C-alpha atoms as a PDB file:
ATOM      1  CA  UNK A   1     135.613  91.207  18.330  1.00  0.00           C
ATOM      2  CA  UNK A   2     134.178  89.834  21.518  1.00  0.00           C
ATOM      3  CA  UNK A   3     130.441  90.123  21.920  1.00  0.00           C
ATOM      4  CA  UNK A   4     129.786  91.258  18.347  1.00  0.00           C
ATOM      5  CA  UNK A   5     126.872  89.511  16.666  1.00  0.00           C
ATOM      6  CA  UNK A   6     126.795  88.637  12.993  1.00  0.00           C
ATOM      7  CA  UNK A   7     123.806  88.110  10.779  1.00  0.00           C
ATOM      8  CA  UNK A   8     123.902  85.191   8.370  1.00  0.00           C
ATOM      9  CA  UNK A   9     122.758  86.385   4.956  1.00  0.00           C
ATOM     10  CA  UNK A  10     121.233  83.551   2.914  1.00  0.00           C
ATOM     11  CA  UNK A  11     122.515  83.058  -0.640  1.00  0.00           C
ATOM     12  CA  UNK A  12     119.759  82.338  -3.136  1.00  0.00           C
ATOM     13  CA  UNK A  13     120.522  79.104  -4.968  1.00  0.00           C
ATOM     14  CA  UNK A  14     119.093  77.366  -8.033  1.00  0.00           C
ATOM     15  CA  UNK A  15     118.582  73.598  -8.118  1.00  0.00           C
ATOM     16  CA  UNK A  16     116.513  71.667 -10.693  1.00  0.00           C
ATOM     17  CA  UNK A  17     114.545  74.751 -11.695  1.00  0.00           C
ATOM     18  CA  UNK A  18     113.673  75.804  -8.141  1.00  0.00           C
ATOM     19  CA  UNK A  19     115.014  79.108  -6.821  1.00  0.00           C
ATOM     20  CA  UNK A  20     115.710  78.453  -3.155  1.00  0.00           C
ATOM     21  CA  UNK A  21     115.916  81.262  -0.617  1.00  0.00           C
ATOM     22  CA  UNK A  22     119.200  79.830   0.689  1.00  0.00           C
ATOM     23  CA  UNK A  23     122.003  77.420  -0.146  1.00  0.00           C
ATOM     24  CA  UNK A  24     120.935  75.423   2.915  1.00  0.00           C
ATOM     25  CA  UNK A  25     117.478  74.790   1.415  1.00  0.00           C
ATOM     26  CA  UNK A  26     119.106  73.771  -1.891  1.00  0.00           C
ATOM     27  CA  UNK A  27     121.343  71.316  -0.014  1.00  0.00           C
ATOM     28  CA  UNK A  28     118.262  69.717   1.546  1.00  0.00           C
ATOM     29  CA  UNK A  29     116.554  69.511  -1.862  1.00  0.00           C
ATOM     30  CA  UNK A  30     119.669  67.739  -3.159  1.00  0.00           C
ATOM     31  CA  UNK A  31     119.584  65.365  -0.186  1.00  0.00           C
ATOM     32  CA  UNK A  32     115.889  64.570  -0.713  1.00  0.00           C
ATOM     33  CA  UNK A  33     116.605  63.858  -4.412  1.00  0.00           C
ATOM     34  CA  UNK A  34     119.571  61.615  -3.617  1.00  0.00           C
ATOM     35  CA  UNK A  35     117.401  59.713  -1.143  1.00  0.00           C
ATOM     36  CA  UNK A  36     114.544  59.381  -3.659  1.00  0.00           C
ATOM     37  CA  UNK A  37     112.205  61.484  -1.488  1.00  0.00           C
ATOM     38  CA  UNK A  38     109.820  63.538  -3.693  1.00  0.00           C
ATOM     39  CA  UNK A  39     109.301  67.144  -2.557  1.00  0.00           C
ATOM     40  CA  UNK A  40     107.592  70.403  -3.442  1.00  0.00           C
ATOM     41  CA  UNK A  41     109.144  73.725  -2.476  1.00  0.00           C
ATOM     42  CA  UNK A  42     107.022  76.389  -0.763  1.00  0.00           C
ATOM     43  CA  UNK A  43     103.952  74.941  -2.453  1.00  0.00           C
ATOM     44  CA  UNK A  44     101.236  75.785   0.064  1.00  0.00           C
ATOM     45  CA  UNK A  45     100.632  78.387   2.751  1.00  0.00           C
ATOM     46  CA  UNK A  46      98.302  78.038   5.717  1.00  0.00           C
ATOM     47  CA  UNK A  47      96.538  80.513   7.974  1.00  0.00           C
ATOM     48  CA  UNK A  48      97.669  79.113  11.339  1.00  0.00           C
ATOM     49  CA  UNK A  49      96.056  81.839  13.446  1.00  0.00           C
ATOM     50  CA  UNK A  50      93.827  84.767  12.604  1.00  0.00           C
ATOM     51  CA  UNK A  51      95.824  86.806  10.109  1.00  0.00           C
ATOM     52  CA  UNK A  52      99.022  84.769  10.581  1.00  0.00           C
ATOM     53  CA  UNK A  53     100.163  82.873   7.482  1.00  0.00           C
ATOM     54  CA  UNK A  54     102.881  80.231   7.338  1.00  0.00           C
ATOM     55  CA  UNK A  55     104.426  78.495   4.333  1.00  0.00           C
ATOM     56  CA  UNK A  56     106.767  75.610   5.221  1.00  0.00           C
ATOM     57  CA  UNK A  57     109.853  75.282   3.005  1.00  0.00           C
ATOM     58  CA  UNK A  58     109.151  71.742   1.801  1.00  0.00           C
ATOM     59  CA  UNK A  59     106.168  69.486   1.394  1.00  0.00           C
ATOM     60  CA  UNK A  60     107.139  65.825   1.456  1.00  0.00           C
ATOM     61  CA  UNK A  61     104.683  62.979   0.872  1.00  0.00           C
ATOM     62  CA  UNK A  62     102.901  63.329   4.216  1.00  0.00           C
ATOM     63  CA  UNK A  63     105.004  65.850   6.095  1.00  0.00           C
ATOM     64  CA  UNK A  64     105.888  69.565   6.105  1.00  0.00           C
ATOM     65  CA  UNK A  65     109.518  70.623   6.571  1.00  0.00           C
ATOM     66  CA  UNK A  66     111.055  73.939   7.623  1.00  0.00           C
ATOM     67  CA  UNK A  67     114.829  74.464   7.199  1.00  0.00           C
ATOM     68  CA  UNK A  68     116.871  76.749   9.464  1.00  0.00           C
ATOM     69  CA  UNK A  69     120.610  77.171  10.046  1.00  0.00           C
ATOM     70  CA  UNK A  70     122.067  75.291  13.004  1.00  0.00           C
ATOM     71  CA  UNK A  71     122.187  78.291  15.355  1.00  0.00           C
ATOM     72  CA  UNK A  72     118.767  79.695  14.455  1.00  0.00           C
ATOM     73  CA  UNK A  73     116.956  80.883  17.558  1.00  0.00           C
ATOM     74  CA  UNK A  74     113.452  82.245  17.059  1.00  0.00           C
ATOM     75  CA  UNK A  75     110.310  80.926  18.659  1.00  0.00           C
ATOM     76  CA  UNK A  76     108.137  82.338  15.853  1.00  0.00           C
ATOM     77  CA  UNK A  77     108.748  79.443  13.424  1.00  0.00           C
ATOM     78  CA  UNK A  78     108.418  76.913  16.258  1.00  0.00           C
ATOM     79  CA  UNK A  79     105.042  78.334  17.202  1.00  0.00           C
ATOM     80  CA  UNK A  80     103.849  78.407  13.574  1.00  0.00           C
ATOM     81  CA  UNK A  81     104.878  74.792  12.947  1.00  0.00           C
ATOM     82  CA  UNK A  82     103.153  73.705  16.159  1.00  0.00           C
ATOM     83  CA  UNK A  83      99.953  75.525  15.180  1.00  0.00           C
ATOM     84  CA  UNK A  84     100.068  74.052  11.659  1.00  0.00           C
ATOM     85  CA  UNK A  85     100.526  70.490  12.895  1.00  0.00           C
ATOM     86  CA  UNK A  86      97.846  70.856  15.570  1.00  0.00           C
ATOM     87  CA  UNK A  87      95.418  72.398  13.073  1.00  0.00           C
ATOM     88  CA  UNK A  88      95.746  70.115  10.039  1.00  0.00           C
ATOM     89  CA  UNK A  89      96.876  66.945  11.835  1.00  0.00           C
ATOM     90  CA  UNK A  90      99.842  66.280   9.537  1.00  0.00           C
ATOM     91  CA  UNK A  91     103.401  65.838  10.903  1.00  0.00           C
ATOM     92  CA  UNK A  92     105.919  68.647  10.528  1.00  0.00           C
ATOM     93  CA  UNK A  93     109.680  68.872  10.978  1.00  0.00           C
ATOM     94  CA  UNK A  94     111.941  71.822  11.678  1.00  0.00           C
ATOM     95  CA  UNK A  95     115.473  70.913  10.624  1.00  0.00           C
ATOM     96  CA  UNK A  96     118.362  72.947  11.994  1.00  0.00           C
ATOM     97  CA  UNK A  97     121.587  72.614   9.983  1.00  0.00           C
ATOM     98  CA  UNK A  98     122.712  70.968   6.755  1.00  0.00           C
ATOM     99  CA  UNK A  99     122.061  67.371   5.663  1.00  0.00           C
ATOM    100  CA  UNK A 100     125.269  66.124   7.299  1.00  0.00           C
ATOM    101  CA  UNK A 101     125.213  68.018  10.578  1.00  0.00           C
ATOM    102  CA  UNK A 102     121.708  68.741  11.797  1.00  0.00           C
ATOM    103  CA  UNK A 103     119.035  68.361  14.422  1.00  0.00           C
ATOM    104  CA  UNK A 104     115.502  67.561  13.330  1.00  0.00           C
ATOM    105  CA  UNK A 105     112.616  68.439  15.634  1.00  0.00           C
ATOM    106  CA  UNK A 106     109.589  66.361  14.668  1.00  0.00           C
ATOM    107  CA  UNK A 107     106.106  67.643  15.450  1.00  0.00           C
ATOM    108  CA  UNK A 108     103.477  64.924  15.417  1.00  0.00           C
ATOM    109  CA  UNK A 109      99.718  65.490  15.689  1.00  0.00           C
ATOM    110  CA  UNK A 110      98.290  64.391  19.004  1.00  0.00           C
ATOM    111  CA  UNK A 111      94.665  64.139  19.963  1.00  0.00           C
ATOM    112  CA  UNK A 112      95.640  63.523  23.597  1.00  0.00           C
ATOM    113  CA  UNK A 113      97.470  66.770  24.337  1.00  0.00           C
ATOM    114  CA  UNK A 114      95.940  70.185  24.816  1.00  0.00           C
ATOM    115  CA  UNK A 115      98.604  71.778  22.582  1.00  0.00           C
ATOM    116  CA  UNK A 116      97.780  69.326  19.789  1.00  0.00           C
ATOM    117  CA  UNK A 117     101.294  68.072  18.984  1.00  0.00           C
ATOM    118  CA  UNK A 118     104.247  66.127  20.394  1.00  0.00           C
ATOM    119  CA  UNK A 119     107.899  67.050  19.756  1.00  0.00           C
ATOM    120  CA  UNK A 120     110.685  64.531  19.173  1.00  0.00           C
ATOM    121  CA  UNK A 121     114.321  65.282  18.352  1.00  0.00           C
ATOM    122  CA  UNK A 122     116.032  63.096  15.747  1.00  0.00           C
ATOM    123  CA  UNK A 123     118.448  63.070  12.831  1.00  0.00           C
ATOM    124  CA  UNK A 124     117.673  62.088   9.260  1.00  0.00           C
ATOM    125  CA  UNK A 125     121.022  60.305   9.175  1.00  0.00           C
ATOM    126  CA  UNK A 126     119.795  58.022  11.934  1.00  0.00           C
ATOM    127  CA  UNK A 127     116.384  57.603  10.332  1.00  0.00           C
ATOM    128  CA  UNK A 128     117.604  56.827   6.827  1.00  0.00           C
ATOM    129  CA  UNK A 129     121.257  55.826   7.261  1.00  0.00           C
ATOM    130  CA  UNK A 130     122.058  58.388   4.594  1.00  0.00           C
ATOM    131  CA  UNK A 131     125.596  59.533   5.346  1.00  0.00           C
ATOM    132  CA  UNK A 132     126.750  59.301   1.691  1.00  0.00           C
ATOM    133  CA  UNK A 133     123.819  61.363   0.413  1.00  0.00           C
ATOM    134  CA  UNK A 134     124.332  63.920   3.185  1.00  0.00           C
ATOM    135  CA  UNK A 135     127.992  64.380   2.262  1.00  0.00           C
ATOM    136  CA  UNK A 136     127.146  64.791  -1.450  1.00  0.00           C
ATOM    137  CA  UNK A 137     124.399  67.310  -0.633  1.00  0.00           C
ATOM    138  CA  UNK A 138     126.758  69.285   1.598  1.00  0.00           C
ATOM    139  CA  UNK A 139     129.382  69.440  -1.172  1.00  0.00           C
ATOM    140  CA  UNK A 140     126.938  70.318  -3.987  1.00  0.00           C
ATOM    141  CA  UNK A 141     127.437  73.541  -5.969  1.00  0.00           C
ATOM    142  CA  UNK A 142     124.495  75.693  -7.050  1.00  0.00           C
ATOM    143  CA  UNK A 143     123.864  78.517  -9.519  1.00  0.00           C
ATOM    144  CA  UNK A 144     123.181  81.868  -7.881  1.00  0.00           C
ATOM    145  CA  UNK A 145     120.987  83.387 -10.601  1.00  0.00           C
ATOM    146  CA  UNK A 146     118.127  81.924 -12.639  1.00  0.00           C
ATOM    147  CA  UNK A 147     119.025  80.904 -16.208  1.00  0.00           C
ATOM    148  CA  UNK A 148     118.117  83.550 -18.798  1.00  0.00           C
END
């Protein structure tokens, strides 16, 4: 039907003992594992403005990562990531899409800009040359319920 909008409902997925809010997050966890990149999932929240809390999806060695589907369009997460990066002076990335087909928006701390951060657009495939790992992560299968 023309003009009808659909809401994407995330499917909770289990990978290596973590219960991810979506299959997309589990695919990225798989990708990070295949690439040998250690991660923590939703391990720390920050107060980025008075009364506004934000917990990025992943904590990598020296970077925070938020995962969204490719067509996600909401300035709220963009603003929160920008405030986090400007406040704690640690890089952050919002990744739109799965490990094979994605856009990564990198937020770097900047002492020279009034807003406190600089944005760059990149792809992890370009950064790491990780096409094989991205394909495996995209094809991975996950449990839907925690083990009893």
